[in-house]
Amino acid sequence: MDLKEFEGMVQRALDELPGDFGKRLENIEVIVEDMPDMETAKSLKLGSKGRLLGLYQGVPLKARTHYYGMVMPDKITLFKSNIERTCQENDLDAYGEIKHVLEHEIAHHFGITDERLKDLGAY
């Protein structure tokens, strides 16, 4: 699919977030990139078999103190090619996978760790 169509699905997933979650997305930017760059892959120790679908970078809400301010927005990045490849290999609906990855990264914005997401059965 082309970038515009993919970004439209991302926007739709954001628009469909439950009201309380959407309202609490503070100082955050959601972007789409084709693939993670080498620096990101190395820093996360992905290796040749790693496939990063999304990435949250920032200060989670529960870690923000009264000193938090005047900072660049947190960033959620969705990696288009990796999401598309995962959908093709696993016969997944593209919109459903975009929504899942976006919600996973938003969970990190709220301070929920990967370990906690596993405990909750989100994987």
PDB file of N, CA and C in Angstrom:
ATOM      1  N   MET A   1       0.850  -1.180   0.000  1.00  0.00           N
ATOM      2  CA  MET A   1       0.000   0.000   0.000  1.00  0.00           C
ATOM      3  C   MET A   1       0.888   1.233   0.000  1.00  0.00           C
ATOM      4  N   ASP A   2       0.354   2.330  -0.452  1.00  0.00           N
ATOM      5  CA  ASP A   2       1.179   3.533  -0.480  1.00  0.00           C
ATOM      6  C   ASP A   2       1.168   4.206   0.894  1.00  0.00           C
ATOM      7  N   LEU A   3       2.100   5.145   1.068  1.00  0.00           N
ATOM      8  CA  LEU A   3       2.291   5.810   2.349  1.00  0.00           C
ATOM      9  C   LEU A   3       1.037   6.546   2.806  1.00  0.00           C
ATOM     10  N   LYS A   4       0.365   7.206   1.885  1.00  0.00           N
ATOM     11  CA  LYS A   4      -0.840   7.976   2.252  1.00  0.00           C
ATOM     12  C   LYS A   4      -1.928   7.060   2.824  1.00  0.00           C
ATOM     13  N   GLU A   5      -2.117   5.907   2.211  1.00  0.00           N
ATOM     14  CA  GLU A   5      -3.116   4.953   2.691  1.00  0.00           C
ATOM     15  C   GLU A   5      -2.732   4.428   4.080  1.00  0.00           C
ATOM     16  N   PHE A   6      -1.451   4.121   4.258  1.00  0.00           N
ATOM     17  CA  PHE A   6      -0.962   3.630   5.556  1.00  0.00           C
ATOM     18  C   PHE A   6      -1.179   4.692   6.634  1.00  0.00           C
ATOM     19  N   GLU A   7      -0.788   5.932   6.332  1.00  0.00           N
ATOM     20  CA  GLU A   7      -0.963   7.018   7.298  1.00  0.00           C
ATOM     21  C   GLU A   7      -2.437   7.253   7.616  1.00  0.00           C
ATOM     22  N   GLY A   8      -3.298   7.054   6.627  1.00  0.00           N
ATOM     23  CA  GLY A   8      -4.734   7.170   6.870  1.00  0.00           C
ATOM     24  C   GLY A   8      -5.220   6.141   7.883  1.00  0.00           C
ATOM     25  N   MET A   9      -4.676   4.926   7.792  1.00  0.00           N
ATOM     26  CA  MET A   9      -5.041   3.882   8.758  1.00  0.00           C
ATOM     27  C   MET A   9      -4.526   4.228  10.149  1.00  0.00           C
ATOM     28  N   VAL A  10      -3.329   4.815  10.220  1.00  0.00           N
ATOM     29  CA  VAL A  10      -2.784   5.245  11.513  1.00  0.00           C
ATOM     30  C   VAL A  10      -3.697   6.302  12.121  1.00  0.00           C
ATOM     31  N   GLN A  11      -4.097   7.274  11.316  1.00  0.00           N
ATOM     32  CA  GLN A  11      -4.977   8.332  11.818  1.00  0.00           C
ATOM     33  C   GLN A  11      -6.316   7.763  12.271  1.00  0.00           C
ATOM     34  N   ARG A  12      -6.852   6.832  11.510  1.00  0.00           N
ATOM     35  CA  ARG A  12      -8.123   6.188  11.882  1.00  0.00           C
ATOM     36  C   ARG A  12      -7.990   5.480  13.227  1.00  0.00           C
ATOM     37  N   ALA A  13      -6.874   4.764  13.420  1.00  0.00           N
ATOM     38  CA  ALA A  13      -6.645   4.070  14.694  1.00  0.00           C
ATOM     39  C   ALA A  13      -6.539   5.068  15.847  1.00  0.00           C
ATOM     40  N   LEU A  14      -5.893   6.201  15.614  1.00  0.00           N
ATOM     41  CA  LEU A  14      -5.818   7.242  16.647  1.00  0.00           C
ATOM     42  C   LEU A  14      -7.199   7.813  16.952  1.00  0.00           C
ATOM     43  N   ASP A  15      -7.975   8.053  15.903  1.00  0.00           N
ATOM     44  CA  ASP A  15      -9.321   8.611  16.080  1.00  0.00           C
ATOM     45  C   ASP A  15     -10.244   7.665  16.828  1.00  0.00           C
ATOM     46  N   GLU A  16      -9.986   6.360  16.722  1.00  0.00           N
ATOM     47  CA  GLU A  16     -10.853   5.366  17.356  1.00  0.00           C
ATOM     48  C   GLU A  16     -10.422   4.996  18.778  1.00  0.00           C
ATOM     49  N   LEU A  17      -9.379   5.620  19.279  1.00  0.00           N
ATOM     50  CA  LEU A  17      -8.978   5.355  20.659  1.00  0.00           C
ATOM     51  C   LEU A  17     -10.114   5.767  21.592  1.00  0.00           C
ATOM     52  N   PRO A  18     -10.322   4.998  22.668  1.00  0.00           N
ATOM     53  CA  PRO A  18     -11.325   5.438  23.645  1.00  0.00           C
ATOM     54  C   PRO A  18     -11.001   6.850  24.131  1.00  0.00           C
ATOM     55  N   GLY A  19     -12.029   7.634  24.378  1.00  0.00           N
ATOM     56  CA  GLY A  19     -11.877   9.044  24.727  1.00  0.00           C
ATOM     57  C   GLY A  19     -10.862   9.340  25.799  1.00  0.00           C
ATOM     58  N   ASP A  20     -10.859   8.558  26.876  1.00  0.00           N
ATOM     59  CA  ASP A  20      -9.941   8.822  27.971  1.00  0.00           C
ATOM     60  C   ASP A  20      -8.489   8.689  27.541  1.00  0.00           C
ATOM     61  N   PHE A  21      -8.208   7.716  26.684  1.00  0.00           N
ATOM     62  CA  PHE A  21      -6.838   7.524  26.224  1.00  0.00           C
ATOM     63  C   PHE A  21      -6.426   8.638  25.268  1.00  0.00           C
ATOM     64  N   GLY A  22      -7.281   8.942  24.327  1.00  0.00           N
ATOM     65  CA  GLY A  22      -6.970   9.990  23.363  1.00  0.00           C
ATOM     66  C   GLY A  22      -6.710  11.331  24.026  1.00  0.00           C
ATOM     67  N   LYS A  23      -7.465  11.635  25.056  1.00  0.00           N
ATOM     68  CA  LYS A  23      -7.310  12.904  25.763  1.00  0.00           C
ATOM     69  C   LYS A  23      -6.012  12.971  26.554  1.00  0.00           C
ATOM     70  N   ARG A  24      -5.470  11.812  26.925  1.00  0.00           N
ATOM     71  CA  ARG A  24      -4.260  11.785  27.752  1.00  0.00           C
ATOM     72  C   ARG A  24      -2.978  11.669  26.939  1.00  0.00           C
ATOM     73  N   LEU A  25      -3.089  11.690  25.624  1.00  0.00           N
ATOM     74  CA  LEU A  25      -1.883  11.680  24.790  1.00  0.00           C
ATOM     75  C   LEU A  25      -1.326  13.095  24.785  1.00  0.00           C
ATOM     76  N   GLU A  26      -0.398  13.331  25.683  1.00  0.00           N
ATOM     77  CA  GLU A  26       0.137  14.666  25.882  1.00  0.00           C
ATOM     78  C   GLU A  26       1.555  14.776  25.330  1.00  0.00           C
ATOM     79  N   ASN A  27       1.803  15.805  24.570  1.00  0.00           N
ATOM     80  CA  ASN A  27       3.136  16.095  24.048  1.00  0.00           C
ATOM     81  C   ASN A  27       3.724  14.874  23.339  1.00  0.00           C
ATOM     82  N   ILE A  28       2.977  14.367  22.383  1.00  0.00           N
ATOM     83  CA  ILE A  28       3.404  13.166  21.665  1.00  0.00           C
ATOM     84  C   ILE A  28       3.121  13.316  20.174  1.00  0.00           C
ATOM     85  N   GLU A  29       4.028  12.798  19.389  1.00  0.00           N
ATOM     86  CA  GLU A  29       3.918  12.836  17.936  1.00  0.00           C
ATOM     87  C   GLU A  29       3.941  11.402  17.419  1.00  0.00           C
ATOM     88  N   VAL A  30       3.069  11.095  16.483  1.00  0.00           N
ATOM     89  CA  VAL A  30       3.042   9.765  15.865  1.00  0.00           C
ATOM     90  C   VAL A  30       3.492   9.931  14.419  1.00  0.00           C
ATOM     91  N   ILE A  31       4.536   9.171  14.051  1.00  0.00           N
ATOM     92  CA  ILE A  31       5.061   9.270  12.694  1.00  0.00           C
ATOM     93  C   ILE A  31       5.180   7.879  12.070  1.00  0.00           C
ATOM     94  N   VAL A  32       5.304   7.856  10.764  1.00  0.00           N
ATOM     95  CA  VAL A  32       5.501   6.614  10.013  1.00  0.00           C
ATOM     96  C   VAL A  32       6.841   6.718   9.300  1.00  0.00           C
ATOM     97  N   GLU A  33       7.657   5.696   9.461  1.00  0.00           N
ATOM     98  CA  GLU A  33       8.904   5.569   8.717  1.00  0.00           C
ATOM     99  C   GLU A  33       8.875   4.223   8.021  1.00  0.00           C
ATOM    100  N   ASP A  34       9.637   4.101   6.954  1.00  0.00           N
ATOM    101  CA  ASP A  34       9.655   2.843   6.224  1.00  0.00           C
ATOM    102  C   ASP A  34      10.292   1.732   7.050  1.00  0.00           C
ATOM    103  N   MET A  35      11.496   1.968   7.545  1.00  0.00           N
ATOM    104  CA  MET A  35      12.254   0.963   8.310  1.00  0.00           C
ATOM    105  C   MET A  35      13.035   1.677   9.411  1.00  0.00           C
ATOM    106  N   PRO A  36      13.383   0.959  10.484  1.00  0.00           N
ATOM    107  CA  PRO A  36      14.272   1.570  11.485  1.00  0.00           C
ATOM    108  C   PRO A  36      15.658   1.777  10.879  1.00  0.00           C
ATOM    109  N   ASP A  37      16.315   2.847  11.274  1.00  0.00           N
ATOM    110  CA  ASP A  37      17.666   3.072  10.782  1.00  0.00           C
ATOM    111  C   ASP A  37      18.652   2.160  11.523  1.00  0.00           C
ATOM    112  N   MET A  38      19.866   2.080  11.015  1.00  0.00           N
ATOM    113  CA  MET A  38      20.872   1.179  11.585  1.00  0.00           C
ATOM    114  C   MET A  38      21.186   1.525  13.036  1.00  0.00           C
ATOM    115  N   GLU A  39      21.232   2.811  13.347  1.00  0.00           N
ATOM    116  CA  GLU A  39      21.530   3.231  14.717  1.00  0.00           C
ATOM    117  C   GLU A  39      20.470   2.697  15.690  1.00  0.00           C
ATOM    118  N   THR A  40      19.221   2.799  15.309  1.00  0.00           N
ATOM    119  CA  THR A  40      18.129   2.292  16.149  1.00  0.00           C
ATOM    120  C   THR A  40      18.231   0.781  16.287  1.00  0.00           C
ATOM    121  N   ALA A  41      18.458   0.080  15.187  1.00  0.00           N
ATOM    122  CA  ALA A  41      18.568  -1.383  15.216  1.00  0.00           C
ATOM    123  C   ALA A  41      19.719  -1.818  16.119  1.00  0.00           C
ATOM    124  N   LYS A  42      20.844  -1.126  16.027  1.00  0.00           N
ATOM    125  CA  LYS A  42      22.002  -1.473  16.873  1.00  0.00           C
ATOM    126  C   LYS A  42      21.722  -1.171  18.339  1.00  0.00           C
ATOM    127  N   SER A  43      21.132  -0.004  18.612  1.00  0.00           N
ATOM    128  CA  SER A  43      20.892   0.379  20.011  1.00  0.00           C
ATOM    129  C   SER A  43      19.904  -0.558  20.695  1.00  0.00           C
ATOM    130  N   LEU A  44      18.986  -1.140  19.927  1.00  0.00           N
ATOM    131  CA  LEU A  44      18.005  -2.078  20.484  1.00  0.00           C
ATOM    132  C   LEU A  44      18.457  -3.529  20.358  1.00  0.00           C
ATOM    133  N   LYS A  45      19.656  -3.723  19.782  1.00  0.00           N
ATOM    134  CA  LYS A  45      20.239  -5.059  19.617  1.00  0.00           C
ATOM    135  C   LYS A  45      19.281  -5.999  18.894  1.00  0.00           C
ATOM    136  N   LEU A  46      18.744  -5.510  17.782  1.00  0.00           N
ATOM    137  CA  LEU A  46      17.766  -6.293  17.029  1.00  0.00           C
ATOM    138  C   LEU A  46      18.399  -7.457  16.277  1.00  0.00           C
ATOM    139  N   GLY A  47      19.621  -7.284  15.826  1.00  0.00           N
ATOM    140  CA  GLY A  47      20.253  -8.342  15.046  1.00  0.00           C
ATOM    141  C   GLY A  47      19.583  -8.497  13.694  1.00  0.00           C
ATOM    142  N   SER A  48      20.058  -9.462  12.931  1.00  0.00           N
ATOM    143  CA  SER A  48      19.545  -9.631  11.576  1.00  0.00           C
ATOM    144  C   SER A  48      18.133 -10.204  11.542  1.00  0.00           C
ATOM    145  N   LYS A  49      17.692 -10.879  12.614  1.00  0.00           N
ATOM    146  CA  LYS A  49      16.369 -11.486  12.622  1.00  0.00           C
ATOM    147  C   LYS A  49      15.316 -10.608  13.292  1.00  0.00           C
ATOM    148  N   GLY A  50      15.747  -9.524  13.914  1.00  0.00           N
ATOM    149  CA  GLY A  50      14.806  -8.645  14.601  1.00  0.00           C
ATOM    150  C   GLY A  50      13.977  -7.839  13.629  1.00  0.00           C
ATOM    151  N   ARG A  51      12.713  -7.693  13.942  1.00  0.00           N
ATOM    152  CA  ARG A  51      11.826  -6.902  13.090  1.00  0.00           C
ATOM    153  C   ARG A  51      11.025  -5.976  13.991  1.00  0.00           C
ATOM    154  N   LEU A  52      11.415  -4.733  13.999  1.00  0.00           N
ATOM    155  CA  LEU A  52      10.776  -3.734  14.832  1.00  0.00           C
ATOM    156  C   LEU A  52       9.557  -3.174  14.104  1.00  0.00           C
ATOM    157  N   LEU A  53       8.396  -3.267  14.741  1.00  0.00           N
ATOM    158  CA  LEU A  53       7.154  -2.775  14.137  1.00  0.00           C
ATOM    159  C   LEU A  53       6.843  -1.359  14.585  1.00  0.00           C
ATOM    160  N   GLY A  54       7.191  -1.041  15.817  1.00  0.00           N
ATOM    161  CA  GLY A  54       6.919   0.281  16.360  1.00  0.00           C
ATOM    162  C   GLY A  54       7.905   0.606  17.454  1.00  0.00           C
ATOM    163  N   LEU A  55       8.026   1.881  17.769  1.00  0.00           N
ATOM    164  CA  LEU A  55       8.976   2.314  18.793  1.00  0.00           C
ATOM    165  C   LEU A  55       8.433   3.546  19.499  1.00  0.00           C
ATOM    166  N   TYR A  56       8.471   3.514  20.832  1.00  0.00           N
ATOM    167  CA  TYR A  56       8.126   4.679  21.646  1.00  0.00           C
ATOM    168  C   TYR A  56       9.421   5.273  22.177  1.00  0.00           C
ATOM    169  N   GLN A  57       9.588   6.573  22.004  1.00  0.00           N
ATOM    170  CA  GLN A  57      10.744   7.281  22.535  1.00  0.00           C
ATOM    171  C   GLN A  57      10.242   8.496  23.288  1.00  0.00           C
ATOM    172  N   GLY A  58      10.573   8.569  24.563  1.00  0.00           N
ATOM    173  CA  GLY A  58      10.147   9.720  25.342  1.00  0.00           C
ATOM    174  C   GLY A  58      10.125   9.430  26.824  1.00  0.00           C
ATOM    175  N   VAL A  59       9.396  10.272  27.530  1.00  0.00           N
ATOM    176  CA  VAL A  59       9.243  10.160  28.980  1.00  0.00           C
ATOM    177  C   VAL A  59       7.811   9.725  29.251  1.00  0.00           C
ATOM    178  N   PRO A  60       7.623   8.496  29.756  1.00  0.00           N
ATOM    179  CA  PRO A  60       6.261   8.019  30.034  1.00  0.00           C
ATOM    180  C   PRO A  60       5.532   8.953  31.011  1.00  0.00           C
ATOM    181  N   LEU A  61       4.232   9.034  30.869  1.00  0.00           N
ATOM    182  CA  LEU A  61       3.434   9.930  31.718  1.00  0.00           C
ATOM    183  C   LEU A  61       3.690   9.704  33.198  1.00  0.00           C
ATOM    184  N   LYS A  62       3.776   8.445  33.614  1.00  0.00           N
ATOM    185  CA  LYS A  62       3.933   8.207  35.055  1.00  0.00           C
ATOM    186  C   LYS A  62       5.325   8.557  35.570  1.00  0.00           C
ATOM    187  N   ALA A  63       6.273   8.818  34.664  1.00  0.00           N
ATOM    188  CA  ALA A  63       7.617   9.211  35.065  1.00  0.00           C
ATOM    189  C   ALA A  63       7.814  10.726  35.039  1.00  0.00           C
ATOM    190  N   ARG A  64       6.818  11.447  34.577  1.00  0.00           N
ATOM    191  CA  ARG A  64       6.937  12.903  34.490  1.00  0.00           C
ATOM    192  C   ARG A  64       6.689  13.526  35.856  1.00  0.00           C
ATOM    193  N   THR A  65       7.535  14.461  36.192  1.00  0.00           N
ATOM    194  CA  THR A  65       7.391  15.171  37.459  1.00  0.00           C
ATOM    195  C   THR A  65       6.983  16.615  37.172  1.00  0.00           C
ATOM    196  N   HIS A  66       6.908  17.398  38.229  1.00  0.00           N
ATOM    197  CA  HIS A  66       6.548  18.800  38.041  1.00  0.00           C
ATOM    198  C   HIS A  66       7.654  19.570  37.301  1.00  0.00           C
ATOM    199  N   TYR A  67       8.831  18.965  37.142  1.00  0.00           N
ATOM    200  CA  TYR A  67       9.915  19.591  36.381  1.00  0.00           C
ATOM    201  C   TYR A  67       9.781  19.357  34.877  1.00  0.00           C
ATOM    202  N   TYR A  68       8.855  18.481  34.495  1.00  0.00           N
ATOM    203  CA  TYR A  68       8.684  18.167  33.076  1.00  0.00           C
ATOM    204  C   TYR A  68       8.074  19.355  32.364  1.00  0.00           C
ATOM    205  N   GLY A  69       8.749  19.832  31.350  1.00  0.00           N
ATOM    206  CA  GLY A  69       8.222  20.938  30.562  1.00  0.00           C
ATOM    207  C   GLY A  69       9.262  21.445  29.590  1.00  0.00           C
ATOM    208  N   MET A  70       8.793  22.146  28.582  1.00  0.00           N
ATOM    209  CA  MET A  70       9.680  22.713  27.580  1.00  0.00           C
ATOM    210  C   MET A  70      10.599  21.657  26.964  1.00  0.00           C
ATOM    211  N   VAL A  71      10.023  20.512  26.640  1.00  0.00           N
ATOM    212  CA  VAL A  71      10.795  19.425  26.035  1.00  0.00           C
ATOM    213  C   VAL A  71      10.186  19.079  24.681  1.00  0.00           C
ATOM    214  N   MET A  72      10.987  18.458  23.855  1.00  0.00           N
ATOM    215  CA  MET A  72      10.497  17.988  22.563  1.00  0.00           C
ATOM    216  C   MET A  72       9.411  16.942  22.816  1.00  0.00           C
ATOM    217  N   PRO A  73       8.486  16.794  21.885  1.00  0.00           N
ATOM    218  CA  PRO A  73       7.426  15.789  22.065  1.00  0.00           C
ATOM    219  C   PRO A  73       7.993  14.377  22.106  1.00  0.00           C
ATOM    220  N   ASP A  74       7.319  13.512  22.859  1.00  0.00           N
ATOM    221  CA  ASP A  74       7.601  12.085  22.774  1.00  0.00           C
ATOM    222  C   ASP A  74       7.272  11.662  21.348  1.00  0.00           C
ATOM    223  N   LYS A  75       7.799  10.524  20.946  1.00  0.00           N
ATOM    224  CA  LYS A  75       7.583  10.093  19.569  1.00  0.00           C
ATOM    225  C   LYS A  75       7.219   8.616  19.530  1.00  0.00           C
ATOM    226  N   ILE A  76       6.173   8.325  18.789  1.00  0.00           N
ATOM    227  CA  ILE A  76       5.823   6.945  18.450  1.00  0.00           C
ATOM    228  C   ILE A  76       6.068   6.808  16.953  1.00  0.00           C
ATOM    229  N   THR A  77       6.895   5.834  16.605  1.00  0.00           N
ATOM    230  CA  THR A  77       7.195   5.581  15.204  1.00  0.00           C
ATOM    231  C   THR A  77       6.647   4.220  14.823  1.00  0.00           C
ATOM    232  N   LEU A  78       5.901   4.163  13.731  1.00  0.00           N
ATOM    233  CA  LEU A  78       5.441   2.902  13.170  1.00  0.00           C
ATOM    234  C   LEU A  78       6.256   2.631  11.909  1.00  0.00           C
ATOM    235  N   PHE A  79       6.756   1.410  11.776  1.00  0.00           N
ATOM    236  CA  PHE A  79       7.628   1.052  10.664  1.00  0.00           C
ATOM    237  C   PHE A  79       6.822   0.299   9.604  1.00  0.00           C
ATOM    238  N   LYS A  80       6.483   1.030   8.562  1.00  0.00           N
ATOM    239  CA  LYS A  80       5.565   0.581   7.520  1.00  0.00           C
ATOM    240  C   LYS A  80       5.979  -0.742   6.879  1.00  0.00           C
ATOM    241  N   SER A  81       7.189  -0.846   6.390  1.00  0.00           N
ATOM    242  CA  SER A  81       7.609  -2.070   5.687  1.00  0.00           C
ATOM    243  C   SER A  81       7.561  -3.291   6.590  1.00  0.00           C
ATOM    244  N   ASN A  82       7.984  -3.131   7.843  1.00  0.00           N
ATOM    245  CA  ASN A  82       7.971  -4.264   8.765  1.00  0.00           C
ATOM    246  C   ASN A  82       6.543  -4.698   9.110  1.00  0.00           C
ATOM    247  N   ILE A  83       5.656  -3.737   9.284  1.00  0.00           N
ATOM    248  CA  ILE A  83       4.257  -4.067   9.563  1.00  0.00           C
ATOM    249  C   ILE A  83       3.643  -4.772   8.357  1.00  0.00           C
ATOM    250  N   GLU A  84       3.893  -4.250   7.175  1.00  0.00           N
ATOM    251  CA  GLU A  84       3.342  -4.876   5.967  1.00  0.00           C
ATOM    252  C   GLU A  84       3.876  -6.297   5.786  1.00  0.00           C
ATOM    253  N   ARG A  85       5.169  -6.481   6.001  1.00  0.00           N
ATOM    254  CA  ARG A  85       5.765  -7.814   5.847  1.00  0.00           C
ATOM    255  C   ARG A  85       5.175  -8.794   6.872  1.00  0.00           C
ATOM    256  N   THR A  86       5.007  -8.341   8.095  1.00  0.00           N
ATOM    257  CA  THR A  86       4.407  -9.186   9.131  1.00  0.00           C
ATOM    258  C   THR A  86       2.986  -9.576   8.750  1.00  0.00           C
ATOM    259  N   CYS A  87       2.234  -8.632   8.214  1.00  0.00           N
ATOM    260  CA  CYS A  87       0.860  -8.920   7.788  1.00  0.00           C
ATOM    261  C   CYS A  87       0.836  -9.950   6.662  1.00  0.00           C
ATOM    262  N   GLN A  88       1.720  -9.815   5.690  1.00  0.00           N
ATOM    263  CA  GLN A  88       1.776 -10.755   4.576  1.00  0.00           C
ATOM    264  C   GLN A  88       2.165 -12.153   5.039  1.00  0.00           C
ATOM    265  N   GLU A  89       3.182 -12.241   5.888  1.00  0.00           N
ATOM    266  CA  GLU A  89       3.687 -13.539   6.333  1.00  0.00           C
ATOM    267  C   GLU A  89       2.714 -14.276   7.241  1.00  0.00           C
ATOM    268  N   ASN A  90       1.883 -13.515   7.970  1.00  0.00           N
ATOM    269  CA  ASN A  90       0.988 -14.120   8.957  1.00  0.00           C
ATOM    270  C   ASN A  90      -0.487 -13.965   8.594  1.00  0.00           C
ATOM    271  N   ASP A  91      -0.745 -13.537   7.368  1.00  0.00           N
ATOM    272  CA  ASP A  91      -2.106 -13.340   6.876  1.00  0.00           C
ATOM    273  C   ASP A  91      -2.935 -12.495   7.850  1.00  0.00           C
ATOM    274  N   LEU A  92      -2.388 -11.330   8.209  1.00  0.00           N
ATOM    275  CA  LEU A  92      -3.054 -10.429   9.141  1.00  0.00           C
ATOM    276  C   LEU A  92      -3.655  -9.247   8.391  1.00  0.00           C
ATOM    277  N   ASP A  93      -4.715  -8.691   8.933  1.00  0.00           N
ATOM    278  CA  ASP A  93      -5.334  -7.486   8.412  1.00  0.00           C
ATOM    279  C   ASP A  93      -4.426  -6.299   8.727  1.00  0.00           C
ATOM    280  N   ALA A  94      -4.082  -5.509   7.726  1.00  0.00           N
ATOM    281  CA  ALA A  94      -3.158  -4.391   7.914  1.00  0.00           C
ATOM    282  C   ALA A  94      -3.676  -3.395   8.944  1.00  0.00           C
ATOM    283  N   TYR A  95      -4.939  -3.010   8.849  1.00  0.00           N
ATOM    284  CA  TYR A  95      -5.471  -2.048   9.811  1.00  0.00           C
ATOM    285  C   TYR A  95      -5.418  -2.611  11.234  1.00  0.00           C
ATOM    286  N   GLY A  96      -5.786  -3.858  11.398  1.00  0.00           N
ATOM    287  CA  GLY A  96      -5.751  -4.475  12.722  1.00  0.00           C
ATOM    288  C   GLY A  96      -4.352  -4.494  13.311  1.00  0.00           C
ATOM    289  N   GLU A  97      -3.362  -4.755  12.474  1.00  0.00           N
ATOM    290  CA  GLU A  97      -1.980  -4.791  12.958  1.00  0.00           C
ATOM    291  C   GLU A  97      -1.475  -3.385  13.272  1.00  0.00           C
ATOM    292  N   ILE A  98      -1.814  -2.420  12.440  1.00  0.00           N
ATOM    293  CA  ILE A  98      -1.431  -1.033  12.723  1.00  0.00           C
ATOM    294  C   ILE A  98      -2.024  -0.597  14.057  1.00  0.00           C
ATOM    295  N   LYS A  99      -3.292  -0.897  14.257  1.00  0.00           N
ATOM    296  CA  LYS A  99      -3.961  -0.523  15.509  1.00  0.00           C
ATOM    297  C   LYS A  99      -3.303  -1.205  16.707  1.00  0.00           C
ATOM    298  N   HIS A 100      -2.970  -2.483  16.559  1.00  0.00           N
ATOM    299  CA  HIS A 100      -2.322  -3.232  17.646  1.00  0.00           C
ATOM    300  C   HIS A 100      -0.963  -2.625  17.995  1.00  0.00           C
ATOM    301  N   VAL A 101      -0.150  -2.351  16.981  1.00  0.00           N
ATOM    302  CA  VAL A 101       1.183  -1.786  17.214  1.00  0.00           C
ATOM    303  C   VAL A 101       1.062  -0.397  17.843  1.00  0.00           C
ATOM    304  N   LEU A 102       0.156   0.420  17.333  1.00  0.00           N
ATOM    305  CA  LEU A 102      -0.048   1.757  17.879  1.00  0.00           C
ATOM    306  C   LEU A 102      -0.473   1.688  19.343  1.00  0.00           C
ATOM    307  N   GLU A 103      -1.421   0.826  19.662  1.00  0.00           N
ATOM    308  CA  GLU A 103      -1.877   0.691  21.050  1.00  0.00           C
ATOM    309  C   GLU A 103      -0.750   0.200  21.950  1.00  0.00           C
ATOM    310  N   HIS A 104       0.089  -0.687  21.438  1.00  0.00           N
ATOM    311  CA  HIS A 104       1.238  -1.191  22.203  1.00  0.00           C
ATOM    312  C   HIS A 104       2.182  -0.030  22.549  1.00  0.00           C
ATOM    313  N   GLU A 105       2.486   0.804  21.570  1.00  0.00           N
ATOM    314  CA  GLU A 105       3.393   1.925  21.813  1.00  0.00           C
ATOM    315  C   GLU A 105       2.749   2.979  22.710  1.00  0.00           C
ATOM    316  N   ILE A 106       1.461   3.185  22.578  1.00  0.00           N
ATOM    317  CA  ILE A 106       0.757   4.108  23.471  1.00  0.00           C
ATOM    318  C   ILE A 106       0.807   3.587  24.907  1.00  0.00           C
ATOM    319  N   ALA A 107       0.738   2.275  25.074  1.00  0.00           N
ATOM    320  CA  ALA A 107       0.860   1.691  26.422  1.00  0.00           C
ATOM    321  C   ALA A 107       2.193   2.095  27.046  1.00  0.00           C
ATOM    322  N   HIS A 108       3.260   2.107  26.260  1.00  0.00           N
ATOM    323  CA  HIS A 108       4.559   2.550  26.775  1.00  0.00           C
ATOM    324  C   HIS A 108       4.502   4.022  27.183  1.00  0.00           C
ATOM    325  N   HIS A 109       3.780   4.840  26.435  1.00  0.00           N
ATOM    326  CA  HIS A 109       3.606   6.253  26.785  1.00  0.00           C
ATOM    327  C   HIS A 109       2.952   6.389  28.167  1.00  0.00           C
ATOM    328  N   PHE A 110       2.071   5.457  28.485  1.00  0.00           N
ATOM    329  CA  PHE A 110       1.417   5.468  29.792  1.00  0.00           C
ATOM    330  C   PHE A 110       2.255   4.777  30.868  1.00  0.00           C
ATOM    331  N   GLY A 111       3.445   4.290  30.491  1.00  0.00           N
ATOM    332  CA  GLY A 111       4.356   3.702  31.467  1.00  0.00           C
ATOM    333  C   GLY A 111       4.225   2.205  31.625  1.00  0.00           C
ATOM    334  N   ILE A 112       3.518   1.541  30.740  1.00  0.00           N
ATOM    335  CA  ILE A 112       3.346   0.087  30.825  1.00  0.00           C
ATOM    336  C   ILE A 112       4.501  -0.586  30.082  1.00  0.00           C
ATOM    337  N   THR A 113       5.216  -1.445  30.771  1.00  0.00           N
ATOM    338  CA  THR A 113       6.395  -2.101  30.203  1.00  0.00           C
ATOM    339  C   THR A 113       6.000  -3.298  29.339  1.00  0.00           C
ATOM    340  N   ASP A 114       6.955  -3.772  28.541  1.00  0.00           N
ATOM    341  CA  ASP A 114       6.725  -4.982  27.743  1.00  0.00           C
ATOM    342  C   ASP A 114       6.399  -6.172  28.643  1.00  0.00           C
ATOM    343  N   GLU A 115       7.082  -6.265  29.768  1.00  0.00           N
ATOM    344  CA  GLU A 115       6.825  -7.374  30.691  1.00  0.00           C
ATOM    345  C   GLU A 115       5.386  -7.345  31.193  1.00  0.00           C
ATOM    346  N   ARG A 116       4.910  -6.162  31.547  1.00  0.00           N
ATOM    347  CA  ARG A 116       3.532  -6.028  32.031  1.00  0.00           C
ATOM    348  C   ARG A 116       2.533  -6.329  30.918  1.00  0.00           C
ATOM    349  N   LEU A 117       2.839  -5.898  29.700  1.00  0.00           N
ATOM    350  CA  LEU A 117       1.963  -6.206  28.564  1.00  0.00           C
ATOM    351  C   LEU A 117       1.880  -7.707  28.342  1.00  0.00           C
ATOM    352  N   LYS A 118       3.004  -8.413  28.516  1.00  0.00           N
ATOM    353  CA  LYS A 118       2.992  -9.879  28.405  1.00  0.00           C
ATOM    354  C   LYS A 118       2.109 -10.481  29.495  1.00  0.00           C
ATOM    355  N   ASP A 119       2.249  -9.978  30.720  1.00  0.00           N
ATOM    356  CA  ASP A 119       1.417 -10.462  31.838  1.00  0.00           C
ATOM    357  C   ASP A 119      -0.065 -10.252  31.561  1.00  0.00           C
ATOM    358  N   LEU A 120      -0.391  -9.166  30.885  1.00  0.00           N
ATOM    359  CA  LEU A 120      -1.790  -8.834  30.583  1.00  0.00           C
ATOM    360  C   LEU A 120      -2.325  -9.587  29.365  1.00  0.00           C
ATOM    361  N   GLY A 121      -1.428 -10.325  28.689  1.00  0.00           N
ATOM    362  CA  GLY A 121      -1.851 -11.091  27.511  1.00  0.00           C
ATOM    363  C   GLY A 121      -1.997 -10.242  26.267  1.00  0.00           C
ATOM    364  N   ALA A 122      -1.275  -9.126  26.197  1.00  0.00           N
ATOM    365  CA  ALA A 122      -1.389  -8.217  25.058  1.00  0.00           C
ATOM    366  C   ALA A 122      -0.563  -8.652  23.858  1.00  0.00           C
ATOM    367  N   TYR A 123       0.212  -9.716  24.000  1.00  0.00           N
ATOM    368  CA  TYR A 123       1.029 -10.190  22.875  1.00  0.00           C
ATOM    369  C   TYR A 123       0.346 -11.326  22.181  1.00  0.00           C
TER     370      TYR A 123
END
